[in-house]
Amino acid sequence: AKNVARRDGMGTVMLDAAVTLGRVPDHYVQAVGSGTGGIAAWEASM
């Protein structure tokens, strides 16, 4: 999770969604082990 390339790479899921939808979604759903993907989605959304 400390690796910014890892988090920002994961965050492209949110970026692709926003580009496709034209907006950030109301909700984001994911299964997590470390939770890094959730953090990445939050950072990308900001």
All heavy atoms as atom14 arrays in JSON, in Angstrom:
{
  "sequence": "AKNVARRDGMGTVMLDAAVTLGRVPDHYVQAVGSGTGGIAAWEASM",
  "atom14_mask": [
    [1, 1, 1, 1, 1, 0, 0, 0, 0, 0, 0, 0, 0, 0],
    [1, 1, 1, 1, 1, 1, 1, 1, 1, 0, 0, 0, 0, 0],
    [1, 1, 1, 1, 1, 1, 1, 1, 0, 0, 0, 0, 0, 0],
    [1, 1, 1, 1, 1, 1, 1, 0, 0, 0, 0, 0, 0, 0],
    [1, 1, 1, 1, 1, 0, 0, 0, 0, 0, 0, 0, 0, 0],
    [1, 1, 1, 1, 1, 1, 1, 1, 1, 1, 1, 0, 0, 0],
    [1, 1, 1, 1, 1, 1, 1, 1, 1, 1, 1, 0, 0, 0],
    [1, 1, 1, 1, 1, 1, 1, 1, 0, 0, 0, 0, 0, 0],
    [1, 1, 1, 1, 0, 0, 0, 0, 0, 0, 0, 0, 0, 0],
    [1, 1, 1, 1, 1, 1, 1, 1, 0, 0, 0, 0, 0, 0],
    [1, 1, 1, 1, 0, 0, 0, 0, 0, 0, 0, 0, 0, 0],
    [1, 1, 1, 1, 1, 1, 1, 0, 0, 0, 0, 0, 0, 0],
    [1, 1, 1, 1, 1, 1, 1, 0, 0, 0, 0, 0, 0, 0],
    [1, 1, 1, 1, 1, 1, 1, 1, 0, 0, 0, 0, 0, 0],
    [1, 1, 1, 1, 1, 1, 1, 1, 0, 0, 0, 0, 0, 0],
    [1, 1, 1, 1, 1, 1, 1, 1, 0, 0, 0, 0, 0, 0],
    [1, 1, 1, 1, 1, 0, 0, 0, 0, 0, 0, 0, 0, 0],
    [1, 1, 1, 1, 1, 0, 0, 0, 0, 0, 0, 0, 0, 0],
    [1, 1, 1, 1, 1, 1, 1, 0, 0, 0, 0, 0, 0, 0],
    [1, 1, 1, 1, 1, 1, 1, 0, 0, 0, 0, 0, 0, 0],
    [1, 1, 1, 1, 1, 1, 1, 1, 0, 0, 0, 0, 0, 0],
    [1, 1, 1, 1, 0, 0, 0, 0, 0, 0, 0, 0, 0, 0],
    [1, 1, 1, 1, 1, 1, 1, 1, 1, 1, 1, 0, 0, 0],
    [1, 1, 1, 1, 1, 1, 1, 0, 0, 0, 0, 0, 0, 0],
    [1, 1, 1, 1, 1, 1, 1, 0, 0, 0, 0, 0, 0, 0],
    [1, 1, 1, 1, 1, 1, 1, 1, 0, 0, 0, 0, 0, 0],
    [1, 1, 1, 1, 1, 1, 1, 1, 1, 1, 0, 0, 0, 0],
    [1, 1, 1, 1, 1, 1, 1, 1, 1, 1, 1, 1, 0, 0],
    [1, 1, 1, 1, 1, 1, 1, 0, 0, 0, 0, 0, 0, 0],
    [1, 1, 1, 1, 1, 1, 1, 1, 1, 0, 0, 0, 0, 0],
    [1, 1, 1, 1, 1, 0, 0, 0, 0, 0, 0, 0, 0, 0],
    [1, 1, 1, 1, 1, 1, 1, 0, 0, 0, 0, 0, 0, 0],
    [1, 1, 1, 1, 0, 0, 0, 0, 0, 0, 0, 0, 0, 0],
    [1, 1, 1, 1, 1, 1, 0, 0, 0, 0, 0, 0, 0, 0],
    [1, 1, 1, 1, 0, 0, 0, 0, 0, 0, 0, 0, 0, 0],
    [1, 1, 1, 1, 1, 1, 1, 0, 0, 0, 0, 0, 0, 0],
    [1, 1, 1, 1, 0, 0, 0, 0, 0, 0, 0, 0, 0, 0],
    [1, 1, 1, 1, 0, 0, 0, 0, 0, 0, 0, 0, 0, 0],
    [1, 1, 1, 1, 1, 1, 1, 1, 0, 0, 0, 0, 0, 0],
    [1, 1, 1, 1, 1, 0, 0, 0, 0, 0, 0, 0, 0, 0],
    [1, 1, 1, 1, 1, 0, 0, 0, 0, 0, 0, 0, 0, 0],
    [1, 1, 1, 1, 1, 1, 1, 1, 1, 1, 1, 1, 1, 1],
    [1, 1, 1, 1, 1, 1, 1, 1, 1, 0, 0, 0, 0, 0],
    [1, 1, 1, 1, 1, 0, 0, 0, 0, 0, 0, 0, 0, 0],
    [1, 1, 1, 1, 1, 1, 0, 0, 0, 0, 0, 0, 0, 0],
    [1, 1, 1, 1, 1, 1, 1, 1, 0, 0, 0, 0, 0, 0]
  ],
  "atom14_positions": [
    [[0.81, -1.22, 0.0], [0.0, 0.0, 0.0], [0.85, 1.27, 0.0], [0.37, 2.33, -0.41], [-0.92, 0.0, 1.22], [0.0, 0.0, 0.0], [0.0, 0.0, 0.0], [0.0, 0.0, 0.0], [0.0, 0.0, 0.0], [0.0, 0.0, 0.0], [0.0, 0.0, 0.0], [0.0, 0.0, 0.0], [0.0, 0.0, 0.0], [0.0, 0.0, 0.0]],
    [[2.1, 1.18, 0.44], [2.97, 2.36, 0.48], [3.45, 2.77, -0.91], [3.98, 3.87, -1.09], [4.2, 2.08, 1.37], [3.86, 1.84, 2.83], [5.14, 1.54, 3.61], [4.84, 1.29, 5.07], [6.09, 1.0, 5.84], [0.0, 0.0, 0.0], [0.0, 0.0, 0.0], [0.0, 0.0, 0.0], [0.0, 0.0, 0.0], [0.0, 0.0, 0.0]],
    [[3.3, 1.89, -1.88], [3.8, 2.12, -3.23], [2.78, 2.94, -4.02], [1.7, 2.46, -4.37], [4.05, 0.76, -3.9], [4.45, 0.86, -5.35], [4.63, 1.94, -5.9], [4.57, -0.28, -5.99], [0.0, 0.0, 0.0], [0.0, 0.0, 0.0], [0.0, 0.0, 0.0], [0.0, 0.0, 0.0], [0.0, 0.0, 0.0], [0.0, 0.0, 0.0]],
    [[3.12, 4.2, -4.32], [2.16, 5.07, -5.01], [1.84, 4.59, -6.42], [0.73, 4.81, -6.93], [2.65, 6.54, -5.05], [2.65, 7.14, -3.65], [4.03, 6.66, -5.7], [0.0, 0.0, 0.0], [0.0, 0.0, 0.0], [0.0, 0.0, 0.0], [0.0, 0.0, 0.0], [0.0, 0.0, 0.0], [0.0, 0.0, 0.0], [0.0, 0.0, 0.0]],
    [[2.78, 3.91, -7.06], [2.5, 3.38, -8.4], [1.46, 2.28, -8.32], [0.61, 2.15, -9.21], [3.78, 2.86, -9.05], [0.0, 0.0, 0.0], [0.0, 0.0, 0.0], [0.0, 0.0, 0.0], [0.0, 0.0, 0.0], [0.0, 0.0, 0.0], [0.0, 0.0, 0.0], [0.0, 0.0, 0.0], [0.0, 0.0, 0.0], [0.0, 0.0, 0.0]],
    [[1.52, 1.5, -7.26], [0.52, 0.45, -7.08], [-0.87, 1.06, -6.89], [-1.84, 0.66, -7.55], [0.9, -0.42, -5.87], [-0.04, -1.58, -5.64], [0.45, -2.46, -4.49], [-0.18, -3.77, -4.56], [0.14, -4.8, -3.79], [1.11, -4.67, -2.92], [-0.47, -5.95, -3.9], [0.0, 0.0, 0.0], [0.0, 0.0, 0.0], [0.0, 0.0, 0.0]],
    [[-0.96, 2.02, -5.99], [-2.28, 2.61, -5.72], [-2.81, 3.36, -6.93], [-4.0, 3.24, -7.28], [-2.2, 3.56, -4.5], [-1.79, 2.87, -3.22], [-2.27, 3.62, -1.98], [-2.0, 5.04, -1.98], [-0.88, 5.6, -1.51], [0.12, 4.86, -1.04], [-0.74, 6.92, -1.51], [0.0, 0.0, 0.0], [0.0, 0.0, 0.0], [0.0, 0.0, 0.0]],
    [[-1.97, 4.13, -7.59], [-2.45, 4.91, -8.73], [-2.78, 4.01, -9.92], [-3.66, 4.33, -10.73], [-1.44, 5.98, -9.1], [-1.31, 7.05, -8.02], [-2.04, 6.97, -7.01], [-0.48, 7.96, -8.17], [0.0, 0.0, 0.0], [0.0, 0.0, 0.0], [0.0, 0.0, 0.0], [0.0, 0.0, 0.0], [0.0, 0.0, 0.0], [0.0, 0.0, 0.0]],
    [[-2.09, 2.88, -10.03], [-2.45, 1.9, -11.06], [-3.82, 1.31, -10.8], [-4.66, 1.19, -11.71], [0.0, 0.0, 0.0], [0.0, 0.0, 0.0], [0.0, 0.0, 0.0], [0.0, 0.0, 0.0], [0.0, 0.0, 0.0], [0.0, 0.0, 0.0], [0.0, 0.0, 0.0], [0.0, 0.0, 0.0], [0.0, 0.0, 0.0], [0.0, 0.0, 0.0]],
    [[-4.09, 0.95, -9.54], [-5.43, 0.48, -9.16], [-6.48, 1.55, -9.4], [-7.61, 1.27, -9.78], [-5.45, 0.12, -7.68], [-4.78, -1.16, -7.28], [-4.93, -1.3, -5.47], [-4.55, -3.02, -5.25], [0.0, 0.0, 0.0], [0.0, 0.0, 0.0], [0.0, 0.0, 0.0], [0.0, 0.0, 0.0], [0.0, 0.0, 0.0], [0.0, 0.0, 0.0]],
    [[-6.09, 2.8, -9.15], [-7.04, 3.91, -9.29], [-7.53, 4.13, -10.7], [-8.53, 4.83, -10.9], [0.0, 0.0, 0.0], [0.0, 0.0, 0.0], [0.0, 0.0, 0.0], [0.0, 0.0, 0.0], [0.0, 0.0, 0.0], [0.0, 0.0, 0.0], [0.0, 0.0, 0.0], [0.0, 0.0, 0.0], [0.0, 0.0, 0.0], [0.0, 0.0, 0.0]],
    [[-6.85, 3.54, -11.68], [-7.31, 3.71, -13.07], [-8.68, 3.07, -13.3], [-9.36, 3.42, -14.27], [-6.3, 3.15, -14.08], [-6.11, 1.75, -13.87], [-4.95, 3.87, -13.96], [0.0, 0.0, 0.0], [0.0, 0.0, 0.0], [0.0, 0.0, 0.0], [0.0, 0.0, 0.0], [0.0, 0.0, 0.0], [0.0, 0.0, 0.0], [0.0, 0.0, 0.0]],
    [[-9.09, 2.14, -12.42], [-10.45, 1.6, -12.53], [-11.46, 2.73, -12.35], [-12.43, 2.84, -13.11], [-10.68, 0.49, -11.48], [-12.13, 0.03, -11.48], [-9.76, -0.7, -11.75], [0.0, 0.0, 0.0], [0.0, 0.0, 0.0], [0.0, 0.0, 0.0], [0.0, 0.0, 0.0], [0.0, 0.0, 0.0], [0.0, 0.0, 0.0], [0.0, 0.0, 0.0]],
    [[-11.23, 3.59, -11.37], [-12.12, 4.73, -11.14], [-11.98, 5.75, -12.27], [-12.99, 6.32, -12.72], [-11.81, 5.38, -9.8], [-12.71, 6.57, -9.46], [-14.48, 6.14, -9.3], [-14.47, 5.32, -7.69], [0.0, 0.0, 0.0], [0.0, 0.0, 0.0], [0.0, 0.0, 0.0], [0.0, 0.0, 0.0], [0.0, 0.0, 0.0], [0.0, 0.0, 0.0]],
    [[-10.75, 5.96, -12.75], [-10.56, 6.92, -13.84], [-11.31, 6.46, -15.09], [-11.97, 7.26, -15.75], [-9.07, 7.09, -14.15], [-8.15, 7.56, -13.02], [-6.74, 7.78, -13.55], [-8.69, 8.82, -12.36], [0.0, 0.0, 0.0], [0.0, 0.0, 0.0], [0.0, 0.0, 0.0], [0.0, 0.0, 0.0], [0.0, 0.0, 0.0], [0.0, 0.0, 0.0]],
    [[-11.19, 5.18, -15.43], [-11.86, 4.67, -16.62], [-13.37, 4.79, -16.47], [-14.08, 5.14, -17.43], [-11.46, 3.21, -16.86], [-11.91, 2.71, -18.21], [-11.27, 3.08, -19.21], [-12.91, 1.96, -18.27], [0.0, 0.0, 0.0], [0.0, 0.0, 0.0], [0.0, 0.0, 0.0], [0.0, 0.0, 0.0], [0.0, 0.0, 0.0], [0.0, 0.0, 0.0]],
    [[-13.87, 4.51, -15.27], [-15.31, 4.62, -15.05], [-15.78, 6.06, -15.22], [-16.8, 6.32, -15.87], [-15.66, 4.1, -13.66], [0.0, 0.0, 0.0], [0.0, 0.0, 0.0], [0.0, 0.0, 0.0], [0.0, 0.0, 0.0], [0.0, 0.0, 0.0], [0.0, 0.0, 0.0], [0.0, 0.0, 0.0], [0.0, 0.0, 0.0], [0.0, 0.0, 0.0]],
    [[-15.04, 7.0, -14.64], [-15.44, 8.4, -14.73], [-15.43, 8.91, -16.16], [-16.32, 9.65, -16.58], [-14.52, 9.26, -13.86], [0.0, 0.0, 0.0], [0.0, 0.0, 0.0], [0.0, 0.0, 0.0], [0.0, 0.0, 0.0], [0.0, 0.0, 0.0], [0.0, 0.0, 0.0], [0.0, 0.0, 0.0], [0.0, 0.0, 0.0], [0.0, 0.0, 0.0]],
    [[-14.42, 8.5, -16.92], [-14.35, 8.89, -18.33], [-15.53, 8.29, -19.11], [-16.14, 8.94, -19.96], [-13.0, 8.46, -18.94], [-13.02, 8.6, -20.45], [-11.87, 9.29, -18.34], [0.0, 0.0, 0.0], [0.0, 0.0, 0.0], [0.0, 0.0, 0.0], [0.0, 0.0, 0.0], [0.0, 0.0, 0.0], [0.0, 0.0, 0.0], [0.0, 0.0, 0.0]],
    [[-15.87, 7.06, -18.8], [-16.96, 6.37, -19.5], [-18.32, 6.97, -19.13], [-19.17, 7.2, -20.0], [-16.95, 4.88, -19.16], [-15.68, 4.32, -19.5], [-18.04, 4.13, -19.92], [0.0, 0.0, 0.0], [0.0, 0.0, 0.0], [0.0, 0.0, 0.0], [0.0, 0.0, 0.0], [0.0, 0.0, 0.0], [0.0, 0.0, 0.0], [0.0, 0.0, 0.0]],
    [[-18.52, 7.24, -17.82], [-19.81, 7.75, -17.35], [-19.93, 9.27, -17.52], [-21.04, 9.81, -17.54], [-20.0, 7.42, -15.87], [-20.53, 6.05, -15.47], [-19.54, 4.95, -15.79], [-20.84, 6.02, -13.98], [0.0, 0.0, 0.0], [0.0, 0.0, 0.0], [0.0, 0.0, 0.0], [0.0, 0.0, 0.0], [0.0, 0.0, 0.0], [0.0, 0.0, 0.0]],
    [[-18.78, 9.95, -17.59], [-18.78, 11.4, -17.59], [-18.88, 12.0, -16.21], [-19.02, 13.21, -16.05], [0.0, 0.0, 0.0], [0.0, 0.0, 0.0], [0.0, 0.0, 0.0], [0.0, 0.0, 0.0], [0.0, 0.0, 0.0], [0.0, 0.0, 0.0], [0.0, 0.0, 0.0], [0.0, 0.0, 0.0], [0.0, 0.0, 0.0], [0.0, 0.0, 0.0]],
    [[-18.75, 11.16, -15.16], [-18.86, 11.6, -13.76], [-18.34, 10.51, -12.85], [-18.19, 9.36, -13.28], [-20.32, 11.88, -13.41], [-21.25, 10.73, -13.71], [-22.59, 10.83, -13.01], [-22.46, 10.65, -11.57], [-23.49, 10.39, -10.75], [-24.72, 10.27, -11.24], [-23.31, 10.24, -9.46], [0.0, 0.0, 0.0], [0.0, 0.0, 0.0], [0.0, 0.0, 0.0]],
    [[-18.06, 10.86, -11.61], [-17.75, 9.82, -10.64], [-19.06, 9.17, -10.21], [-20.11, 9.84, -10.16], [-16.99, 10.37, -9.41], [-15.61, 10.87, -9.8], [-17.77, 11.47, -8.71], [0.0, 0.0, 0.0], [0.0, 0.0, 0.0], [0.0, 0.0, 0.0], [0.0, 0.0, 0.0], [0.0, 0.0, 0.0], [0.0, 0.0, 0.0], [0.0, 0.0, 0.0]],
    [[-19.07, 7.88, -9.92], [-20.3, 7.21, -9.51], [-20.72, 7.61, -8.1], [-19.94, 8.2, -7.34], [-19.93, 5.72, -9.59], [-18.45, 5.7, -9.33], [-17.92, 6.95, -9.97], [0.0, 0.0, 0.0], [0.0, 0.0, 0.0], [0.0, 0.0, 0.0], [0.0, 0.0, 0.0], [0.0, 0.0, 0.0], [0.0, 0.0, 0.0], [0.0, 0.0, 0.0]],
    [[-21.94, 7.25, -7.74], [-22.42, 7.49, -6.37], [-21.8, 6.49, -5.39], [-21.59, 6.83, -4.22], [-23.95, 7.36, -6.3], [-24.66, 8.37, -7.19], [-24.21, 9.54, -7.22], [-25.64, 7.98, -7.85], [0.0, 0.0, 0.0], [0.0, 0.0, 0.0], [0.0, 0.0, 0.0], [0.0, 0.0, 0.0], [0.0, 0.0, 0.0], [0.0, 0.0, 0.0]],
    [[-21.56, 5.28, -5.87], [-21.07, 4.2, -5.01], [-19.98, 3.4, -5.71], [-20.0, 3.25, -6.94], [-22.21, 3.24, -4.64], [-23.38, 3.89, -3.97], [-23.46, 4.1, -2.61], [-24.54, 4.38, -4.5], [-24.6, 4.69, -2.33], [-25.28, 4.86, -3.45], [0.0, 0.0, 0.0], [0.0, 0.0, 0.0], [0.0, 0.0, 0.0], [0.0, 0.0, 0.0]],
    [[-19.06, 2.87, -4.91], [-17.97, 2.03, -5.41], [-17.92, 0.79, -4.54], [-17.85, 0.89, -3.3], [-16.65, 2.79, -5.34], [-15.41, 1.97, -5.63], [-14.93, 1.82, -6.92], [-14.7, 1.35, -4.6], [-13.79, 1.08, -7.19], [-13.56, 0.61, -4.85], [-13.11, 0.48, -6.15], [-11.97, -0.26, -6.4], [0.0, 0.0, 0.0], [0.0, 0.0, 0.0]],
    [[-17.95, -0.4, -5.16], [-18.02, -1.67, -4.42], [-16.82, -2.53, -4.79], [-16.55, -2.76, -5.98], [-19.32, -2.43, -4.74], [-19.41, -3.71, -3.92], [-20.54, -1.54, -4.51], [0.0, 0.0, 0.0], [0.0, 0.0, 0.0], [0.0, 0.0, 0.0], [0.0, 0.0, 0.0], [0.0, 0.0, 0.0], [0.0, 0.0, 0.0], [0.0, 0.0, 0.0]],
    [[-16.11, -3.04, -3.77], [-14.95, -3.9, -4.01], [-14.71, -4.81, -2.82], [-14.95, -4.42, -1.67], [-13.7, -3.06, -4.27], [-12.5, -3.89, -4.73], [-11.17, -3.16, -4.57], [-11.08, -1.96, -4.77], [-10.14, -3.89, -4.19], [0.0, 0.0, 0.0], [0.0, 0.0, 0.0], [0.0, 0.0, 0.0], [0.0, 0.0, 0.0], [0.0, 0.0, 0.0]],
    [[-14.22, -6.01, -3.06], [-13.72, -6.89, -2.0], [-12.26, -6.54, -1.75], [-11.52, -6.25, -2.69], [-13.85, -8.35, -2.41], [0.0, 0.0, 0.0], [0.0, 0.0, 0.0], [0.0, 0.0, 0.0], [0.0, 0.0, 0.0], [0.0, 0.0, 0.0], [0.0, 0.0, 0.0], [0.0, 0.0, 0.0], [0.0, 0.0, 0.0], [0.0, 0.0, 0.0]],
    [[-11.84, -6.57, -0.47], [-10.49, -6.11, -0.13], [-9.8, -7.07, 0.84], [-10.43, -7.67, 1.71], [-10.53, -4.7, 0.49], [-10.98, -3.67, -0.52], [-11.41, -4.65, 1.74], [0.0, 0.0, 0.0], [0.0, 0.0, 0.0], [0.0, 0.0, 0.0], [0.0, 0.0, 0.0], [0.0, 0.0, 0.0], [0.0, 0.0, 0.0], [0.0, 0.0, 0.0]],
    [[-8.47, -7.18, 0.65], [-7.63, -7.89, 1.61], [-6.85, -6.89, 2.43], [-6.93, -6.85, 3.65], [0.0, 0.0, 0.0], [0.0, 0.0, 0.0], [0.0, 0.0, 0.0], [0.0, 0.0, 0.0], [0.0, 0.0, 0.0], [0.0, 0.0, 0.0], [0.0, 0.0, 0.0], [0.0, 0.0, 0.0], [0.0, 0.0, 0.0], [0.0, 0.0, 0.0]],
    [[-6.1, -6.03, 1.73], [-5.39, -4.95, 2.4], [-6.21, -3.67, 2.43], [-5.99, -2.79, 3.25], [-4.06, -4.67, 1.69], [-4.29, -4.09, 0.41], [0.0, 0.0, 0.0], [0.0, 0.0, 0.0], [0.0, 0.0, 0.0], [0.0, 0.0, 0.0], [0.0, 0.0, 0.0], [0.0, 0.0, 0.0], [0.0, 0.0, 0.0], [0.0, 0.0, 0.0]],
    [[-7.14, -3.55, 1.5], [-7.92, -2.32, 1.37], [-7.28, -1.29, 0.46], [-7.82, -0.19, 0.27], [0.0, 0.0, 0.0], [0.0, 0.0, 0.0], [0.0, 0.0, 0.0], [0.0, 0.0, 0.0], [0.0, 0.0, 0.0], [0.0, 0.0, 0.0], [0.0, 0.0, 0.0], [0.0, 0.0, 0.0], [0.0, 0.0, 0.0], [0.0, 0.0, 0.0]],
    [[-6.15, -1.65, -0.14], [-5.42, -0.7, -0.98], [-6.26, -0.24, -2.17], [-6.21, 0.93, -2.57], [-4.1, -1.31, -1.46], [-3.38, -1.8, -0.33], [-3.25, -0.29, -2.18], [0.0, 0.0, 0.0], [0.0, 0.0, 0.0], [0.0, 0.0, 0.0], [0.0, 0.0, 0.0], [0.0, 0.0, 0.0], [0.0, 0.0, 0.0], [0.0, 0.0, 0.0]],
    [[-7.06, -1.14, -2.73], [-7.91, -0.76, -3.85], [-8.94, 0.28, -3.48], [-9.26, 1.17, -4.27], [0.0, 0.0, 0.0], [0.0, 0.0, 0.0], [0.0, 0.0, 0.0], [0.0, 0.0, 0.0], [0.0, 0.0, 0.0], [0.0, 0.0, 0.0], [0.0, 0.0, 0.0], [0.0, 0.0, 0.0], [0.0, 0.0, 0.0], [0.0, 0.0, 0.0]],
    [[-9.48, 0.18, -2.26], [-10.43, 1.19, -1.8], [-9.76, 2.54, -1.6], [-10.33, 3.58, -1.95], [0.0, 0.0, 0.0], [0.0, 0.0, 0.0], [0.0, 0.0, 0.0], [0.0, 0.0, 0.0], [0.0, 0.0, 0.0], [0.0, 0.0, 0.0], [0.0, 0.0, 0.0], [0.0, 0.0, 0.0], [0.0, 0.0, 0.0], [0.0, 0.0, 0.0]],
    [[-8.56, 2.53, -1.02], [-7.8, 3.77, -0.86], [-7.54, 4.39, -2.23], [-7.67, 5.6, -2.43], [-6.47, 3.49, -0.13], [-6.71, 2.91, 1.26], [-5.63, 4.77, -0.04], [-5.46, 2.34, 1.91], [0.0, 0.0, 0.0], [0.0, 0.0, 0.0], [0.0, 0.0, 0.0], [0.0, 0.0, 0.0], [0.0, 0.0, 0.0], [0.0, 0.0, 0.0]],
    [[-7.14, 3.55, -3.18], [-6.84, 4.03, -4.54], [-8.06, 4.66, -5.19], [-7.96, 5.7, -5.86], [-6.32, 2.88, -5.39], [0.0, 0.0, 0.0], [0.0, 0.0, 0.0], [0.0, 0.0, 0.0], [0.0, 0.0, 0.0], [0.0, 0.0, 0.0], [0.0, 0.0, 0.0], [0.0, 0.0, 0.0], [0.0, 0.0, 0.0], [0.0, 0.0, 0.0]],
    [[-9.23, 4.05, -5.0], [-10.45, 4.61, -5.57], [-10.76, 5.98, -4.97], [-11.19, 6.92, -5.68], [-11.62, 3.66, -5.34], [0.0, 0.0, 0.0], [0.0, 0.0, 0.0], [0.0, 0.0, 0.0], [0.0, 0.0, 0.0], [0.0, 0.0, 0.0], [0.0, 0.0, 0.0], [0.0, 0.0, 0.0], [0.0, 0.0, 0.0], [0.0, 0.0, 0.0]],
    [[-10.55, 6.11, -3.67], [-10.76, 7.39, -2.98], [-9.8, 8.47, -3.5], [-10.22, 9.57, -3.85], [-10.57, 7.16, -1.48], [-10.56, 8.37, -0.61], [-11.41, 9.45, -0.67], [-9.66, 8.64, 0.47], [-11.09, 10.36, 0.32], [-10.03, 9.88, 1.04], [-8.6, 7.93, 1.03], [-9.35, 10.44, 2.12], [-7.92, 8.47, 2.12], [-8.29, 9.71, 2.65]],
    [[-8.52, 8.12, -3.6], [-7.53, 9.08, -4.07], [-7.82, 9.51, -5.51], [-7.72, 10.7, -5.86], [-6.13, 8.49, -3.95], [-5.67, 8.31, -2.51], [-4.32, 7.63, -2.4], [-3.94, 6.85, -3.31], [-3.62, 7.87, -1.39], [0.0, 0.0, 0.0], [0.0, 0.0, 0.0], [0.0, 0.0, 0.0], [0.0, 0.0, 0.0], [0.0, 0.0, 0.0]],
    [[-8.16, 8.53, -6.36], [-8.47, 8.86, -7.76], [-9.7, 9.76, -7.84], [-9.75, 10.69, -8.65], [-8.7, 7.58, -8.55], [0.0, 0.0, 0.0], [0.0, 0.0, 0.0], [0.0, 0.0, 0.0], [0.0, 0.0, 0.0], [0.0, 0.0, 0.0], [0.0, 0.0, 0.0], [0.0, 0.0, 0.0], [0.0, 0.0, 0.0], [0.0, 0.0, 0.0]],
    [[-10.68, 9.5, -6.98], [-11.9, 10.33, -6.98], [-11.6, 11.77, -6.58], [-12.18, 12.71, -7.14], [-12.94, 9.72, -6.04], [-13.32, 8.42, -6.48], [0.0, 0.0, 0.0], [0.0, 0.0, 0.0], [0.0, 0.0, 0.0], [0.0, 0.0, 0.0], [0.0, 0.0, 0.0], [0.0, 0.0, 0.0], [0.0, 0.0, 0.0], [0.0, 0.0, 0.0]],
    [[-10.71, 11.94, -5.61], [-10.34, 13.31, -5.21], [-9.68, 14.05, -6.37], [-9.95, 15.24, -6.59], [-9.42, 13.26, -4.0], [-10.13, 12.88, -2.71], [-9.13, 13.14, -1.22], [-7.97, 11.76, -1.31], [0.0, 0.0, 0.0], [0.0, 0.0, 0.0], [0.0, 0.0, 0.0], [0.0, 0.0, 0.0], [0.0, 0.0, 0.0], [0.0, 0.0, 0.0]]
  ]
}
